[in-house]
Amino acid sequence: MKRFLIAVLAMAVVGVVAESGLAQHNPRGTAKISVGSKTISVEYGQPSLKGRSVAELLQQLKPGDFWRLGADKSTTFSTTADLQFADVTVPNGQYSLWAEREADNSWKLVFNKQHGQWGITHDASQDLASVPLKETKASNSVEMVTISLTKEGAEWRIGIQWGDMKLTANFKVK
């Protein structure tokens, strides 16, 4: 009985350590903006290229495959405002963010109702919305995945950069 209790206690401690983020292998990044009293933020893992190219890493993705936009724990997008991406509304709340590779090699930004999951588990039945991402070649290369939220004229922009690949989508705060 004593051994059983020690084993249960050990498993509980391992679970707490893993959940606390100590088991993550990549640094975490955060992007955050305030629009009046509303806040929008993205919290994500930052894998490094480590001498590889983005093209080499992402060429494995086939049409319909998802990239979790980070590493370790899922990328979490939080908003206290409803957001308008062209004709798509994303209600205030928390979501995991994914990029889906399209048949023509373009990308879509996917908002999934599940968040906080570990690894690359994507449940498409939980997708709330998806919006087109514009891909451009960045003028500078970054070693680690970097997500930004910036003001672009009358709109806001989410940007995802890794190496010289940059994916962006504009939105308005309702």
Protein backbone atom coordinates (compact mmCIF):
# COMPACT_ATOMS: atom_id res chain seq x y z
CA MET A 1 0.00 0.00 0.00
CA LYS A 2 2.85 2.35 0.88
CA ARG A 3 4.51 1.72 -2.51
CA PHE A 4 1.22 2.37 -4.28
CA LEU A 5 0.79 5.75 -2.55
CA ILE A 6 4.39 6.72 -3.35
CA ALA A 7 3.85 5.80 -7.02
CA VAL A 8 0.62 7.85 -7.20
CA LEU A 9 2.33 10.82 -5.53
CA ALA A 10 5.29 10.57 -7.95
CA MET A 11 2.95 10.56 -10.98
CA ALA A 12 1.14 13.62 -9.61
CA VAL A 13 4.44 15.50 -9.19
CA VAL A 14 5.51 14.60 -12.75
CA GLY A 15 2.15 15.88 -14.05
CA VAL A 16 2.51 19.18 -12.19
CA VAL A 17 6.07 19.68 -13.47
CA ALA A 18 5.03 18.93 -17.07
CA GLU A 19 1.99 21.19 -16.84
CA SER A 20 3.99 24.07 -15.36
CA GLY A 21 5.99 24.39 -18.55
CA LEU A 22 9.25 23.08 -17.17
CA ALA A 23 9.10 20.27 -19.74
CA GLN A 24 9.03 22.71 -22.65
CA HIS A 25 12.19 22.75 -24.72
CA ASN A 26 11.75 26.06 -26.53
CA PRO A 27 11.46 29.60 -25.18
CA ARG A 28 7.98 31.16 -25.15
CA GLY A 29 7.19 34.41 -26.93
CA THR A 30 4.33 36.85 -26.44
CA ALA A 31 2.81 39.54 -28.67
CA LYS A 32 0.24 41.88 -27.12
CA ILE A 33 -1.67 45.02 -28.10
CA SER A 34 -4.27 47.17 -26.39
CA VAL A 35 -6.99 48.91 -28.34
CA GLY A 36 -8.82 51.15 -25.90
CA SER A 37 -9.94 48.84 -23.11
CA LYS A 38 -9.60 45.72 -25.30
CA THR A 39 -6.57 43.43 -25.35
CA ILE A 40 -5.32 41.01 -28.00
CA SER A 41 -2.41 38.67 -27.31
CA VAL A 42 -0.61 35.65 -28.71
CA GLU A 43 1.52 33.31 -26.57
CA TYR A 44 3.63 30.77 -28.47
CA GLY A 45 6.68 28.50 -28.45
CA GLN A 46 9.71 29.66 -30.44
CA PRO A 47 11.51 26.83 -32.24
CA SER A 48 14.85 27.70 -33.88
CA LEU A 49 16.04 26.97 -37.39
CA LYS A 50 19.40 25.61 -36.11
CA GLY A 51 21.06 25.87 -39.52
CA ARG A 52 18.05 24.58 -41.47
CA SER A 53 15.91 26.57 -43.90
CA VAL A 54 12.20 27.24 -43.44
CA ALA A 55 11.55 25.82 -46.91
CA GLU A 56 13.27 22.59 -45.85
CA LEU A 57 11.23 22.34 -42.64
CA LEU A 58 7.85 23.22 -44.13
CA GLN A 59 8.20 21.28 -47.41
CA GLN A 60 6.97 18.25 -45.47
CA LEU A 61 3.54 19.89 -45.18
CA LYS A 62 1.12 18.77 -47.86
CA PRO A 63 -2.15 20.51 -48.79
CA GLY A 64 -4.55 20.19 -45.87
CA ASP A 65 -1.74 19.78 -43.30
CA PHE A 66 -1.55 22.08 -40.29
CA TRP A 67 1.42 23.89 -38.75
CA ARG A 68 0.92 24.82 -35.10
CA LEU A 69 2.77 28.15 -35.45
CA GLY A 70 5.23 27.40 -32.69
CA ALA A 71 6.45 24.55 -30.54
CA ASP A 72 5.57 22.54 -27.44
CA LYS A 73 2.25 23.81 -25.96
CA SER A 74 -0.18 25.12 -28.59
CA THR A 75 -0.07 28.75 -29.68
CA THR A 76 -2.80 30.60 -27.76
CA PHE A 77 -4.60 33.60 -29.27
CA SER A 78 -6.64 35.65 -26.76
CA THR A 79 -8.91 38.59 -27.50
CA THR A 80 -11.34 40.58 -25.37
CA ALA A 81 -12.79 42.16 -28.53
CA ASP A 82 -14.58 40.74 -31.54
CA LEU A 83 -12.24 40.92 -34.54
CA GLN A 84 -13.04 41.28 -38.23
CA PHE A 85 -10.70 39.60 -40.76
CA ALA A 86 -12.23 40.68 -44.13
CA ASP A 87 -15.64 38.92 -44.06
CA VAL A 88 -14.79 36.60 -41.12
CA THR A 89 -15.62 37.53 -37.51
CA VAL A 90 -13.62 36.02 -34.67
CA PRO A 91 -15.55 36.52 -31.39
CA ASN A 92 -13.75 37.48 -28.20
CA GLY A 93 -12.28 34.44 -26.47
CA GLN A 94 -9.27 32.13 -26.48
CA TYR A 95 -8.20 29.94 -29.39
CA SER A 96 -5.27 27.91 -30.58
CA LEU A 97 -3.75 29.22 -33.82
CA TRP A 98 -2.74 27.05 -36.75
CA ALA A 99 -1.59 27.65 -40.32
CA GLU A 100 -3.10 25.36 -42.92
CA ARG A 101 -1.25 24.66 -46.16
CA GLU A 102 -3.60 24.99 -49.15
CA ALA A 103 -3.48 23.05 -52.44
CA ASP A 104 -1.98 26.06 -54.25
CA ASN A 105 0.73 26.33 -51.52
CA SER A 106 -0.93 29.39 -49.98
CA TRP A 107 -1.71 29.51 -46.26
CA LYS A 108 -4.78 30.04 -44.07
CA LEU A 109 -4.76 31.16 -40.43
CA VAL A 110 -7.04 28.82 -38.47
CA PHE A 111 -8.68 29.71 -35.14
CA ASN A 112 -9.47 26.52 -33.20
CA LYS A 113 -11.73 26.48 -30.12
CA GLN A 114 -9.35 24.14 -28.28
CA HIS A 115 -6.31 25.72 -26.68
CA GLY A 116 -3.62 24.72 -24.25
CA GLN A 117 -3.10 21.28 -25.77
CA TRP A 118 0.42 19.90 -26.03
CA GLY A 119 2.06 18.97 -29.31
CA ILE A 120 0.60 18.92 -32.76
CA THR A 121 -2.86 17.57 -32.04
CA HIS A 122 -5.31 19.50 -34.26
CA ASP A 123 -9.01 18.64 -34.13
CA ALA A 124 -10.53 20.18 -37.27
CA SER A 125 -14.04 19.70 -35.86
CA GLN A 126 -13.14 22.44 -33.33
CA ASP A 127 -12.12 24.99 -36.00
CA LEU A 128 -14.05 28.23 -35.55
CA ALA A 129 -12.81 30.16 -38.58
CA SER A 130 -10.00 30.49 -41.07
CA VAL A 131 -8.67 33.51 -42.92
CA PRO A 132 -6.20 33.82 -45.81
CA LEU A 133 -2.60 34.62 -44.97
CA LYS A 134 -0.44 36.64 -47.34
CA GLU A 135 3.05 35.16 -47.77
CA THR A 136 5.98 37.43 -48.52
CA LYS A 137 9.74 37.18 -48.30
CA ALA A 138 11.02 39.15 -45.30
CA SER A 139 13.91 41.57 -45.79
CA ASN A 140 15.63 40.09 -42.75
CA SER A 141 15.79 36.51 -41.53
CA VAL A 142 14.89 35.48 -37.97
CA GLU A 143 16.23 32.36 -36.27
CA MET A 144 13.16 31.69 -34.08
CA VAL A 145 9.46 31.82 -34.92
CA THR A 146 8.28 35.35 -34.16
CA ILE A 147 4.65 36.46 -34.01
CA SER A 148 3.80 40.16 -34.00
CA LEU A 149 0.69 42.31 -33.62
CA THR A 150 1.08 45.76 -35.21
CA LYS A 151 -0.95 48.78 -36.33
CA GLU A 152 -1.25 49.09 -40.13
CA GLY A 153 -3.10 52.30 -41.02
CA ALA A 154 -6.75 51.92 -39.96
CA GLU A 155 -6.28 48.19 -39.31
CA TRP A 156 -4.17 45.85 -37.23
CA ARG A 157 -1.95 43.05 -38.50
CA ILE A 158 -0.86 39.69 -37.19
CA GLY A 159 2.50 38.64 -38.60
CA ILE A 160 4.25 35.28 -38.34
CA GLN A 161 7.90 35.15 -39.38
CA TRP A 162 10.40 32.32 -39.46
CA GLY A 163 13.60 32.60 -41.43
CA ASP A 164 12.77 34.79 -44.42
CA MET A 165 9.12 33.63 -44.66
CA LYS A 166 6.51 36.10 -43.44
CA LEU A 167 2.78 35.38 -43.22
CA THR A 168 0.35 38.23 -42.48
CA ALA A 169 -3.37 38.94 -42.11
CA ASN A 170 -5.04 42.28 -41.41
CA PHE A 171 -8.00 42.73 -39.09
CA LYS A 172 -10.21 45.36 -37.49
CA VAL A 173 -11.26 45.56 -33.86
CA LYS A 174 -15.04 45.80 -33.48
